[in-house]
């Protein structure tokens, strides 16, 4: 797939943040999205394969996409911020992307820990067109904020996610506020092993509808 990709450094609250901006070449983007990566203390980076697939699916749907490394990851400055700091990094990334594309609505996407980051941010700060959370880790504890979150929400989950088991995820999802949607991808584990192609396809399809 053709794309235009640029490396950037974003001013973050703990120093500069390493980022990649990807724009579709076959059309003008209609929305701008930030994609957040998994846990920085467990090898998560902007190059994670699920994050890459999320970004590619969104780009196929006509979005311009920004991936970035949280503080202390790769060439990003600072140290791990215990989720709160990473939420502020994502906020800085959104502000940068919106300044770059001021005429576009914006969306948030994330995988695993990144799904926690973007759901917290989108639910606490009104304005996102939608949020797309892949591999939402119910194992990280409750997410009561989703019970009153008016942002349109799409959850994409592996059928064999060890950090967000199906029964646990469905029970939690039932209590979260509408509008919402959950998509199950047949895959072997939390990292969508054997299901990455299907993940990308479903992301591209659902984003085009939002």
C-alpha atoms as a PDB file:
ATOM      1  CA  UNK A   1       0.000   0.000   0.000  1.00  0.00           C
ATOM      2  CA  UNK A   2       1.347   3.417  -0.932  1.00  0.00           C
ATOM      3  CA  UNK A   3       1.836   5.877   1.882  1.00  0.00           C
ATOM      4  CA  UNK A   4       3.703   9.007   2.812  1.00  0.00           C
ATOM      5  CA  UNK A   5       5.612   8.647   6.077  1.00  0.00           C
ATOM      6  CA  UNK A   6       7.490  11.298   8.036  1.00  0.00           C
ATOM      7  CA  UNK A   7       9.543  11.175  11.237  1.00  0.00           C
ATOM      8  CA  UNK A   8       8.853  13.894  13.798  1.00  0.00           C
ATOM      9  CA  UNK A   9       9.768  14.977  17.280  1.00  0.00           C
ATOM     10  CA  UNK A  10       6.839  16.260  19.322  1.00  0.00           C
ATOM     11  CA  UNK A  11       7.145  18.481  22.361  1.00  0.00           C
ATOM     12  CA  UNK A  12       5.798  16.415  25.238  1.00  0.00           C
ATOM     13  CA  UNK A  13       5.332  17.174  28.930  1.00  0.00           C
ATOM     14  CA  UNK A  14       8.487  15.198  29.853  1.00  0.00           C
ATOM     15  CA  UNK A  15      10.564  16.129  26.790  1.00  0.00           C
ATOM     16  CA  UNK A  16      10.507  15.322  23.102  1.00  0.00           C
ATOM     17  CA  UNK A  17       8.478  12.382  21.815  1.00  0.00           C
ATOM     18  CA  UNK A  18       9.561  10.270  18.845  1.00  0.00           C
ATOM     19  CA  UNK A  19       6.747   9.940  16.289  1.00  0.00           C
ATOM     20  CA  UNK A  20       5.851   8.714  12.813  1.00  0.00           C
ATOM     21  CA  UNK A  21       3.185  10.427  10.728  1.00  0.00           C
ATOM     22  CA  UNK A  22       1.566   8.413   7.926  1.00  0.00           C
ATOM     23  CA  UNK A  23      -0.767   9.840   5.306  1.00  0.00           C
ATOM     24  CA  UNK A  24      -2.687   7.976   2.591  1.00  0.00           C
ATOM     25  CA  UNK A  25      -1.553   8.834  -0.927  1.00  0.00           C
ATOM     26  CA  UNK A  26      -4.724   7.771  -2.736  1.00  0.00           C
ATOM     27  CA  UNK A  27      -7.020  10.379  -1.170  1.00  0.00           C
ATOM     28  CA  UNK A  28      -7.228  13.393   1.080  1.00  0.00           C
ATOM     29  CA  UNK A  29      -7.644  12.318   4.716  1.00  0.00           C
ATOM     30  CA  UNK A  30     -11.044  12.904   6.317  1.00  0.00           C
ATOM     31  CA  UNK A  31      -9.933  12.296   9.915  1.00  0.00           C
ATOM     32  CA  UNK A  32      -6.717  12.311  11.950  1.00  0.00           C
ATOM     33  CA  UNK A  33      -5.902   9.554  14.452  1.00  0.00           C
ATOM     34  CA  UNK A  34      -3.319   8.990  17.174  1.00  0.00           C
ATOM     35  CA  UNK A  35      -2.422   5.339  17.836  1.00  0.00           C
ATOM     36  CA  UNK A  36      -0.966   4.368  21.231  1.00  0.00           C
ATOM     37  CA  UNK A  37       1.305   1.400  21.872  1.00  0.00           C
ATOM     38  CA  UNK A  38       1.369  -1.270  24.615  1.00  0.00           C
ATOM     39  CA  UNK A  39       3.060  -1.140  28.010  1.00  0.00           C
ATOM     40  CA  UNK A  40       6.445   0.627  27.870  1.00  0.00           C
ATOM     41  CA  UNK A  41       7.914  -1.569  30.619  1.00  0.00           C
ATOM     42  CA  UNK A  42       7.097  -4.753  28.706  1.00  0.00           C
ATOM     43  CA  UNK A  43       8.594  -3.985  25.318  1.00  0.00           C
ATOM     44  CA  UNK A  44       5.821  -1.831  23.886  1.00  0.00           C
ATOM     45  CA  UNK A  45       6.832   0.618  21.151  1.00  0.00           C
ATOM     46  CA  UNK A  46       5.273   2.391  18.189  1.00  0.00           C
ATOM     47  CA  UNK A  47       6.622  -0.459  16.030  1.00  0.00           C
ATOM     48  CA  UNK A  48       4.533  -3.133  17.787  1.00  0.00           C
ATOM     49  CA  UNK A  49       2.911  -5.362  15.154  1.00  0.00           C
ATOM     50  CA  UNK A  50      -0.637  -4.789  16.413  1.00  0.00           C
ATOM     51  CA  UNK A  51      -0.095  -1.024  16.537  1.00  0.00           C
ATOM     52  CA  UNK A  52       1.268  -1.178  12.993  1.00  0.00           C
ATOM     53  CA  UNK A  53      -1.821  -3.078  11.817  1.00  0.00           C
ATOM     54  CA  UNK A  54      -4.162  -0.640  13.558  1.00  0.00           C
ATOM     55  CA  UNK A  55      -2.395   2.265  11.874  1.00  0.00           C
ATOM     56  CA  UNK A  56      -2.491   0.579   8.471  1.00  0.00           C
ATOM     57  CA  UNK A  57      -6.177  -0.273   8.779  1.00  0.00           C
ATOM     58  CA  UNK A  58      -7.003   3.302   9.714  1.00  0.00           C
ATOM     59  CA  UNK A  59      -4.900   4.648   6.857  1.00  0.00           C
ATOM     60  CA  UNK A  60      -6.692   2.332   4.432  1.00  0.00           C
ATOM     61  CA  UNK A  61      -9.945   3.908   5.620  1.00  0.00           C
ATOM     62  CA  UNK A  62      -8.621   7.358   4.710  1.00  0.00           C
ATOM     63  CA  UNK A  63      -7.213   8.616   8.004  1.00  0.00           C
ATOM     64  CA  UNK A  64      -3.899  10.329   8.595  1.00  0.00           C
ATOM     65  CA  UNK A  65      -2.234   8.454  11.463  1.00  0.00           C
ATOM     66  CA  UNK A  66       0.311   9.420  14.098  1.00  0.00           C
ATOM     67  CA  UNK A  67       2.160   6.729  16.055  1.00  0.00           C
ATOM     68  CA  UNK A  68       4.512   7.807  18.823  1.00  0.00           C
ATOM     69  CA  UNK A  69       6.676   6.442  21.619  1.00  0.00           C
ATOM     70  CA  UNK A  70       5.748   7.310  25.185  1.00  0.00           C
ATOM     71  CA  UNK A  71       8.270   9.011  27.434  1.00  0.00           C
ATOM     72  CA  UNK A  72      11.367   6.857  27.971  1.00  0.00           C
ATOM     73  CA  UNK A  73      10.731   4.601  24.964  1.00  0.00           C
ATOM     74  CA  UNK A  74      13.010   4.625  21.907  1.00  0.00           C
ATOM     75  CA  UNK A  75      14.205   8.176  21.318  1.00  0.00           C
ATOM     76  CA  UNK A  76      11.489   9.755  23.480  1.00  0.00           C
ATOM     77  CA  UNK A  77      12.760  11.574  26.544  1.00  0.00           C
ATOM     78  CA  UNK A  78      11.669  11.062  30.135  1.00  0.00           C
ATOM     79  CA  UNK A  79      10.777   8.088  32.299  1.00  0.00           C
ATOM     80  CA  UNK A  80       7.757   5.816  32.690  1.00  0.00           C
ATOM     81  CA  UNK A  81       4.801   7.823  34.016  1.00  0.00           C
ATOM     82  CA  UNK A  82       2.637   5.085  35.607  1.00  0.00           C
ATOM     83  CA  UNK A  83      -0.177   5.509  33.021  1.00  0.00           C
ATOM     84  CA  UNK A  84      -0.936   9.107  34.005  1.00  0.00           C
ATOM     85  CA  UNK A  85       2.212  10.364  32.309  1.00  0.00           C
ATOM     86  CA  UNK A  86       1.493   8.338  29.181  1.00  0.00           C
ATOM     87  CA  UNK A  87      -2.016   9.810  29.019  1.00  0.00           C
ATOM     88  CA  UNK A  88      -0.442  13.260  29.034  1.00  0.00           C
ATOM     89  CA  UNK A  89       1.964  12.172  26.277  1.00  0.00           C
ATOM     90  CA  UNK A  90      -1.025  11.079  24.184  1.00  0.00           C
ATOM     91  CA  UNK A  91      -2.715  14.409  24.854  1.00  0.00           C
ATOM     92  CA  UNK A  92       0.387  16.207  23.542  1.00  0.00           C
ATOM     93  CA  UNK A  93       0.371  13.972  20.453  1.00  0.00           C
ATOM     94  CA  UNK A  94      -3.270  14.831  19.764  1.00  0.00           C
ATOM     95  CA  UNK A  95      -2.610  18.535  20.130  1.00  0.00           C
ATOM     96  CA  UNK A  96       0.314  18.301  17.707  1.00  0.00           C
ATOM     97  CA  UNK A  97      -1.728  16.326  15.170  1.00  0.00           C
ATOM     98  CA  UNK A  98      -4.702  18.687  15.405  1.00  0.00           C
ATOM     99  CA  UNK A  99      -2.409  21.675  14.851  1.00  0.00           C
ATOM    100  CA  UNK A 100      -0.993  19.906  11.799  1.00  0.00           C
ATOM    101  CA  UNK A 101      -4.498  19.125  10.445  1.00  0.00           C
ATOM    102  CA  UNK A 102      -6.746  21.786  11.976  1.00  0.00           C
ATOM    103  CA  UNK A 103      -9.656  21.138   9.622  1.00  0.00           C
ATOM    104  CA  UNK A 104     -10.034  17.453  10.453  1.00  0.00           C
ATOM    105  CA  UNK A 105     -11.903  15.697  13.244  1.00  0.00           C
ATOM    106  CA  UNK A 106      -9.713  13.453  15.347  1.00  0.00           C
ATOM    107  CA  UNK A 107      -9.885   9.907  16.689  1.00  0.00           C
ATOM    108  CA  UNK A 108      -7.925   7.777  19.136  1.00  0.00           C
ATOM    109  CA  UNK A 109      -6.765   4.179  18.832  1.00  0.00           C
ATOM    110  CA  UNK A 110      -4.599   1.983  21.012  1.00  0.00           C
ATOM    111  CA  UNK A 111      -3.559  -1.563  21.843  1.00  0.00           C
ATOM    112  CA  UNK A 112      -3.405  -3.176  25.301  1.00  0.00           C
ATOM    113  CA  UNK A 113      -1.982  -0.588  27.730  1.00  0.00           C
ATOM    114  CA  UNK A 114      -2.499   1.864  24.870  1.00  0.00           C
ATOM    115  CA  UNK A 115      -6.208   0.956  24.896  1.00  0.00           C
ATOM    116  CA  UNK A 116      -6.318   2.067  28.534  1.00  0.00           C
ATOM    117  CA  UNK A 117      -4.542   5.299  27.629  1.00  0.00           C
ATOM    118  CA  UNK A 118      -6.917   6.233  24.829  1.00  0.00           C
ATOM    119  CA  UNK A 119     -10.139   5.240  26.600  1.00  0.00           C
ATOM    120  CA  UNK A 120      -9.198   7.312  29.630  1.00  0.00           C
ATOM    121  CA  UNK A 121      -8.245  10.281  27.486  1.00  0.00           C
ATOM    122  CA  UNK A 122     -11.229  10.151  25.136  1.00  0.00           C
ATOM    123  CA  UNK A 123     -13.694   9.744  27.994  1.00  0.00           C
ATOM    124  CA  UNK A 124     -12.182  12.531  30.091  1.00  0.00           C
ATOM    125  CA  UNK A 125     -11.766  14.977  27.189  1.00  0.00           C
ATOM    126  CA  UNK A 126     -14.773  15.377  24.911  1.00  0.00           C
ATOM    127  CA  UNK A 127     -14.236  15.874  21.198  1.00  0.00           C
ATOM    128  CA  UNK A 128     -12.936  12.636  19.673  1.00  0.00           C
ATOM    129  CA  UNK A 129     -14.972  11.372  16.734  1.00  0.00           C
ATOM    130  CA  UNK A 130     -14.433   7.811  17.969  1.00  0.00           C
ATOM    131  CA  UNK A 131     -12.078   5.629  19.973  1.00  0.00           C
ATOM    132  CA  UNK A 132     -10.851   2.228  18.853  1.00  0.00           C
ATOM    133  CA  UNK A 133      -9.439   0.016  21.596  1.00  0.00           C
ATOM    134  CA  UNK A 134      -7.750  -3.267  20.635  1.00  0.00           C
ATOM    135  CA  UNK A 135      -6.895  -5.888  23.235  1.00  0.00           C
ATOM    136  CA  UNK A 136      -8.468  -3.941  26.089  1.00  0.00           C
ATOM    137  CA  UNK A 137      -6.815  -5.402  29.231  1.00  0.00           C
ATOM    138  CA  UNK A 138      -9.540  -6.038  31.794  1.00  0.00           C
ATOM    139  CA  UNK A 139      -6.735  -7.496  33.933  1.00  0.00           C
ATOM    140  CA  UNK A 140      -5.603  -3.931  34.722  1.00  0.00           C
ATOM    141  CA  UNK A 141      -8.680  -3.417  36.881  1.00  0.00           C
ATOM    142  CA  UNK A 142     -11.986  -1.627  36.585  1.00  0.00           C
ATOM    143  CA  UNK A 143     -12.851   0.981  33.989  1.00  0.00           C
ATOM    144  CA  UNK A 144     -15.831   2.720  35.575  1.00  0.00           C
ATOM    145  CA  UNK A 145     -15.215   5.829  33.483  1.00  0.00           C
ATOM    146  CA  UNK A 146     -16.523   3.895  30.463  1.00  0.00           C
ATOM    147  CA  UNK A 147     -19.932   3.621  32.132  1.00  0.00           C
ATOM    148  CA  UNK A 148     -20.533   7.328  31.491  1.00  0.00           C
ATOM    149  CA  UNK A 149     -18.424   7.876  28.352  1.00  0.00           C
ATOM    150  CA  UNK A 150     -20.400   9.372  25.449  1.00  0.00           C
ATOM    151  CA  UNK A 151     -17.607   9.014  22.878  1.00  0.00           C
ATOM    152  CA  UNK A 152     -18.433   6.382  20.206  1.00  0.00           C
ATOM    153  CA  UNK A 153     -16.453   3.290  21.203  1.00  0.00           C
ATOM    154  CA  UNK A 154     -15.215   0.303  19.205  1.00  0.00           C
ATOM    155  CA  UNK A 155     -13.485  -2.551  21.001  1.00  0.00           C
ATOM    156  CA  UNK A 156     -11.575  -5.159  18.992  1.00  0.00           C
ATOM    157  CA  UNK A 157     -10.663  -8.217  21.015  1.00  0.00           C
ATOM    158  CA  UNK A 158      -8.977 -11.563  20.372  1.00  0.00           C
ATOM    159  CA  UNK A 159     -11.130 -14.590  21.139  1.00  0.00           C
ATOM    160  CA  UNK A 160      -8.251 -15.961  23.253  1.00  0.00           C
ATOM    161  CA  UNK A 161      -6.983 -12.814  24.967  1.00  0.00           C
ATOM    162  CA  UNK A 162      -5.350 -13.829  28.230  1.00  0.00           C
ATOM    163  CA  UNK A 163      -5.427 -10.244  29.544  1.00  0.00           C
ATOM    164  CA  UNK A 164      -9.019  -9.590  28.500  1.00  0.00           C
ATOM    165  CA  UNK A 165     -10.794 -12.972  28.546  1.00  0.00           C
ATOM    166  CA  UNK A 166     -14.012 -13.122  26.557  1.00  0.00           C
ATOM    167  CA  UNK A 167     -16.386 -13.711  29.477  1.00  0.00           C
ATOM    168  CA  UNK A 168     -14.755 -10.965  31.527  1.00  0.00           C
ATOM    169  CA  UNK A 169     -14.707  -8.549  28.605  1.00  0.00           C
ATOM    170  CA  UNK A 170     -18.349  -9.187  27.695  1.00  0.00           C
ATOM    171  CA  UNK A 171     -19.449  -8.651  31.297  1.00  0.00           C
ATOM    172  CA  UNK A 172     -17.580  -5.348  31.494  1.00  0.00           C
ATOM    173  CA  UNK A 173     -18.736  -4.229  28.042  1.00  0.00           C
ATOM    174  CA  UNK A 174     -22.383  -4.744  29.025  1.00  0.00           C
ATOM    175  CA  UNK A 175     -22.076  -1.997  31.625  1.00  0.00           C
ATOM    176  CA  UNK A 176     -20.332   0.553  29.444  1.00  0.00           C
ATOM    177  CA  UNK A 177     -22.209   3.465  27.928  1.00  0.00           C
ATOM    178  CA  UNK A 178     -23.463   3.580  24.340  1.00  0.00           C
ATOM    179  CA  UNK A 179     -22.645   4.167  21.568  1.00  0.00           C
ATOM    180  CA  UNK A 180     -20.419   1.095  21.607  1.00  0.00           C
ATOM    181  CA  UNK A 181     -19.485  -1.930  19.553  1.00  0.00           C
ATOM    182  CA  UNK A 182     -17.350  -5.000  20.176  1.00  0.00           C
ATOM    183  CA  UNK A 183     -15.661  -7.024  17.424  1.00  0.00           C
ATOM    184  CA  UNK A 184     -14.181 -10.457  18.109  1.00  0.00           C
ATOM    185  CA  UNK A 185     -11.207 -11.605  16.055  1.00  0.00           C
ATOM    186  CA  UNK A 186     -10.394 -15.316  15.966  1.00  0.00           C
ATOM    187  CA  UNK A 187      -6.801 -15.332  17.219  1.00  0.00           C
ATOM    188  CA  UNK A 188      -4.550 -17.368  19.498  1.00  0.00           C
ATOM    189  CA  UNK A 189      -3.630 -14.775  22.116  1.00  0.00           C
ATOM    190  CA  UNK A 190      -3.608 -11.162  23.296  1.00  0.00           C
ATOM    191  CA  UNK A 191      -1.301 -10.204  20.427  1.00  0.00           C
ATOM    192  CA  UNK A 192      -3.770 -11.449  17.780  1.00  0.00           C
ATOM    193  CA  UNK A 193      -1.471 -14.297  16.688  1.00  0.00           C
ATOM    194  CA  UNK A 194      -2.947 -15.783  13.543  1.00  0.00           C
ATOM    195  CA  UNK A 195      -5.470 -12.966  13.295  1.00  0.00           C
ATOM    196  CA  UNK A 196      -3.495  -9.880  12.337  1.00  0.00           C
ATOM    197  CA  UNK A 197      -4.799  -9.800   8.761  1.00  0.00           C
ATOM    198  CA  UNK A 198      -8.378 -10.061  10.023  1.00  0.00           C
ATOM    199  CA  UNK A 199      -7.692  -7.356  12.594  1.00  0.00           C
ATOM    200  CA  UNK A 200      -6.481  -4.948   9.924  1.00  0.00           C
ATOM    201  CA  UNK A 201      -9.413  -5.734   7.635  1.00  0.00           C
ATOM    202  CA  UNK A 202     -11.999  -5.171  10.364  1.00  0.00           C
ATOM    203  CA  UNK A 203     -10.346  -1.949  11.510  1.00  0.00           C
ATOM    204  CA  UNK A 204     -10.332  -0.599   7.943  1.00  0.00           C
ATOM    205  CA  UNK A 205     -13.979  -1.532   7.483  1.00  0.00           C
ATOM    206  CA  UNK A 206     -15.315  -0.194  10.765  1.00  0.00           C
ATOM    207  CA  UNK A 207     -13.325   3.059  10.579  1.00  0.00           C
ATOM    208  CA  UNK A 208     -14.810   3.773   7.153  1.00  0.00           C
ATOM    209  CA  UNK A 209     -18.285   3.581   8.715  1.00  0.00           C
ATOM    210  CA  UNK A 210     -17.638   5.953  11.637  1.00  0.00           C
END
